[in-house]
Amino acid sequence: MADRTRAHVYVTGRVQGVFYRATTRDEARERGVDGWVMNLEDGRVEAVFEGPAEAVEAMVAWCHEGSDRARVEDVDAEYGDPEGLDGFEIRR
């Protein structure tokens, strides 16, 4: 697991109701990244990505763009040790 990392991300902007979560899930699965994504009551999206460092970095970079209909204003990411997540899901 030494080559794996974890990013806990908060995305601000027009990111709810624009397929942001579904597109995040698809992108993460395509890159072999584990974790989850969910909407927050304050309008942000929260996500956790675990996997190879390059793939996690690619997901954090992708969050700045998001789905075609999203308008991302800010992405805040904190990095840490992976917790062993398996698969990628949309949380409700």
C-alpha atoms as a PDB file:
ATOM      1  CA  MET A   1       0.000   0.000   0.000  1.00  0.00           C
ATOM      2  CA  ALA A   2       3.028   2.278   0.079  1.00  0.00           C
ATOM      3  CA  ASP A   3       2.324   3.534  -3.437  1.00  0.00           C
ATOM      4  CA  ARG A   4      -1.278   4.406  -2.569  1.00  0.00           C
ATOM      5  CA  THR A   5      -2.515   7.734  -1.264  1.00  0.00           C
ATOM      6  CA  ARG A   6      -5.799   9.308  -0.183  1.00  0.00           C
ATOM      7  CA  ALA A   7      -7.316  12.675  -1.045  1.00  0.00           C
ATOM      8  CA  HIS A   8     -10.340  14.109   0.779  1.00  0.00           C
ATOM      9  CA  VAL A   9     -11.855  16.734  -1.504  1.00  0.00           C
ATOM     10  CA  TYR A  10     -14.492  19.468  -1.204  1.00  0.00           C
ATOM     11  CA  VAL A  11     -15.716  21.041  -4.447  1.00  0.00           C
ATOM     12  CA  THR A  12     -17.512  24.402  -4.489  1.00  0.00           C
ATOM     13  CA  GLY A  13     -19.567  25.925  -7.297  1.00  0.00           C
ATOM     14  CA  ARG A  14     -22.464  24.748  -9.434  1.00  0.00           C
ATOM     15  CA  VAL A  15     -21.778  21.076  -8.749  1.00  0.00           C
ATOM     16  CA  GLN A  16     -25.157  19.660  -7.719  1.00  0.00           C
ATOM     17  CA  GLY A  17     -27.840  18.659 -10.189  1.00  0.00           C
ATOM     18  CA  VAL A  18     -25.335  18.637 -13.072  1.00  0.00           C
ATOM     19  CA  PHE A  19     -24.266  14.956 -13.036  1.00  0.00           C
ATOM     20  CA  TYR A  20     -21.090  15.798 -11.089  1.00  0.00           C
ATOM     21  CA  ARG A  21     -21.319  12.758  -8.797  1.00  0.00           C
ATOM     22  CA  ALA A  22     -22.101  10.274 -11.576  1.00  0.00           C
ATOM     23  CA  THR A  23     -19.318  11.609 -13.764  1.00  0.00           C
ATOM     24  CA  THR A  24     -16.892  11.545 -10.816  1.00  0.00           C
ATOM     25  CA  ARG A  25     -17.780   7.893 -10.199  1.00  0.00           C
ATOM     26  CA  ASP A  26     -17.238   7.010 -13.854  1.00  0.00           C
ATOM     27  CA  GLU A  27     -13.901   8.851 -14.013  1.00  0.00           C
ATOM     28  CA  ALA A  28     -12.683   7.224 -10.789  1.00  0.00           C
ATOM     29  CA  ARG A  29     -13.633   3.727 -11.917  1.00  0.00           C
ATOM     30  CA  GLU A  30     -11.928   4.295 -15.273  1.00  0.00           C
ATOM     31  CA  ARG A  31      -8.727   5.295 -13.464  1.00  0.00           C
ATOM     32  CA  GLY A  32      -8.885   2.447 -10.923  1.00  0.00           C
ATOM     33  CA  VAL A  33      -9.474   4.810  -7.993  1.00  0.00           C
ATOM     34  CA  ASP A  34     -11.486   3.697  -4.957  1.00  0.00           C
ATOM     35  CA  GLY A  35     -13.630   5.933  -2.756  1.00  0.00           C
ATOM     36  CA  TRP A  36     -16.937   7.767  -2.721  1.00  0.00           C
ATOM     37  CA  VAL A  37     -18.660  11.029  -3.655  1.00  0.00           C
ATOM     38  CA  MET A  38     -21.704  12.784  -2.158  1.00  0.00           C
ATOM     39  CA  ASN A  39     -23.658  16.037  -2.162  1.00  0.00           C
ATOM     40  CA  LEU A  40     -23.535  18.190   0.950  1.00  0.00           C
ATOM     41  CA  GLU A  41     -26.450  20.264   2.259  1.00  0.00           C
ATOM     42  CA  ASP A  42     -24.482  23.491   1.712  1.00  0.00           C
ATOM     43  CA  GLY A  43     -24.271  22.908  -2.059  1.00  0.00           C
ATOM     44  CA  ARG A  44     -20.748  21.508  -2.167  1.00  0.00           C
ATOM     45  CA  VAL A  45     -19.678  18.040  -3.251  1.00  0.00           C
ATOM     46  CA  GLU A  46     -17.444  15.950  -0.984  1.00  0.00           C
ATOM     47  CA  ALA A  47     -15.327  13.089  -2.300  1.00  0.00           C
ATOM     48  CA  VAL A  48     -12.617  10.705  -1.150  1.00  0.00           C
ATOM     49  CA  PHE A  49     -10.184   9.151  -3.605  1.00  0.00           C
ATOM     50  CA  GLU A  50      -7.800   6.309  -2.766  1.00  0.00           C
ATOM     51  CA  GLY A  51      -5.384   4.657  -5.131  1.00  0.00           C
ATOM     52  CA  PRO A  52      -2.042   5.042  -6.866  1.00  0.00           C
ATOM     53  CA  ALA A  53      -0.696   8.559  -6.316  1.00  0.00           C
ATOM     54  CA  GLU A  54      -0.773   9.462 -10.018  1.00  0.00           C
ATOM     55  CA  ALA A  55      -4.394   8.321 -10.398  1.00  0.00           C
ATOM     56  CA  VAL A  56      -5.506  10.189  -7.258  1.00  0.00           C
ATOM     57  CA  GLU A  57      -3.741  13.351  -8.457  1.00  0.00           C
ATOM     58  CA  ALA A  58      -5.501  12.964 -11.822  1.00  0.00           C
ATOM     59  CA  MET A  59      -8.869  12.764 -10.049  1.00  0.00           C
ATOM     60  CA  VAL A  60      -8.155  15.877  -7.969  1.00  0.00           C
ATOM     61  CA  ALA A  61      -7.158  17.706 -11.157  1.00  0.00           C
ATOM     62  CA  TRP A  62     -10.325  16.433 -12.866  1.00  0.00           C
ATOM     63  CA  CYS A  63     -12.428  17.866 -10.019  1.00  0.00           C
ATOM     64  CA  HIS A  64     -11.446  21.368 -11.148  1.00  0.00           C
ATOM     65  CA  GLU A  65     -13.400  20.756 -14.378  1.00  0.00           C
ATOM     66  CA  GLY A  66     -16.057  18.243 -13.383  1.00  0.00           C
ATOM     67  CA  SER A  67     -19.005  17.258 -15.525  1.00  0.00           C
ATOM     68  CA  ASP A  68     -19.863  19.173 -18.700  1.00  0.00           C
ATOM     69  CA  ARG A  69     -22.628  21.175 -16.987  1.00  0.00           C
ATOM     70  CA  ALA A  70     -20.704  21.974 -13.775  1.00  0.00           C
ATOM     71  CA  ARG A  71     -19.100  25.307 -12.957  1.00  0.00           C
ATOM     72  CA  VAL A  72     -16.385  24.649 -10.405  1.00  0.00           C
ATOM     73  CA  GLU A  73     -15.285  27.616  -8.290  1.00  0.00           C
ATOM     74  CA  ASP A  74     -12.872  25.942  -5.866  1.00  0.00           C
ATOM     75  CA  VAL A  75     -11.398  22.564  -4.977  1.00  0.00           C
ATOM     76  CA  ASP A  76      -9.943  21.968  -1.517  1.00  0.00           C
ATOM     77  CA  ALA A  77      -7.992  18.722  -1.118  1.00  0.00           C
ATOM     78  CA  GLU A  78      -6.299  17.233   1.937  1.00  0.00           C
ATOM     79  CA  TYR A  79      -3.988  14.255   1.546  1.00  0.00           C
ATOM     80  CA  GLY A  80      -3.412  11.402   3.940  1.00  0.00           C
ATOM     81  CA  ASP A  81      -2.938   7.693   4.329  1.00  0.00           C
ATOM     82  CA  PRO A  82      -5.440   5.399   2.585  1.00  0.00           C
ATOM     83  CA  GLU A  83      -7.988   3.567   4.722  1.00  0.00           C
ATOM     84  CA  GLY A  84      -8.436   0.587   2.396  1.00  0.00           C
ATOM     85  CA  LEU A  85     -11.581   1.557   0.494  1.00  0.00           C
ATOM     86  CA  ASP A  86     -12.634  -0.879  -2.217  1.00  0.00           C
ATOM     87  CA  GLY A  87     -14.672   0.224  -5.235  1.00  0.00           C
ATOM     88  CA  PHE A  88     -16.237   3.630  -5.871  1.00  0.00           C
ATOM     89  CA  GLU A  89     -19.750   4.624  -4.871  1.00  0.00           C
ATOM     90  CA  ILE A  90     -22.130   7.545  -4.831  1.00  0.00           C
ATOM     91  CA  ARG A  91     -23.256   8.180  -1.258  1.00  0.00           C
ATOM     92  CA  ARG A  92     -26.602   9.758  -0.492  1.00  0.00           C
END
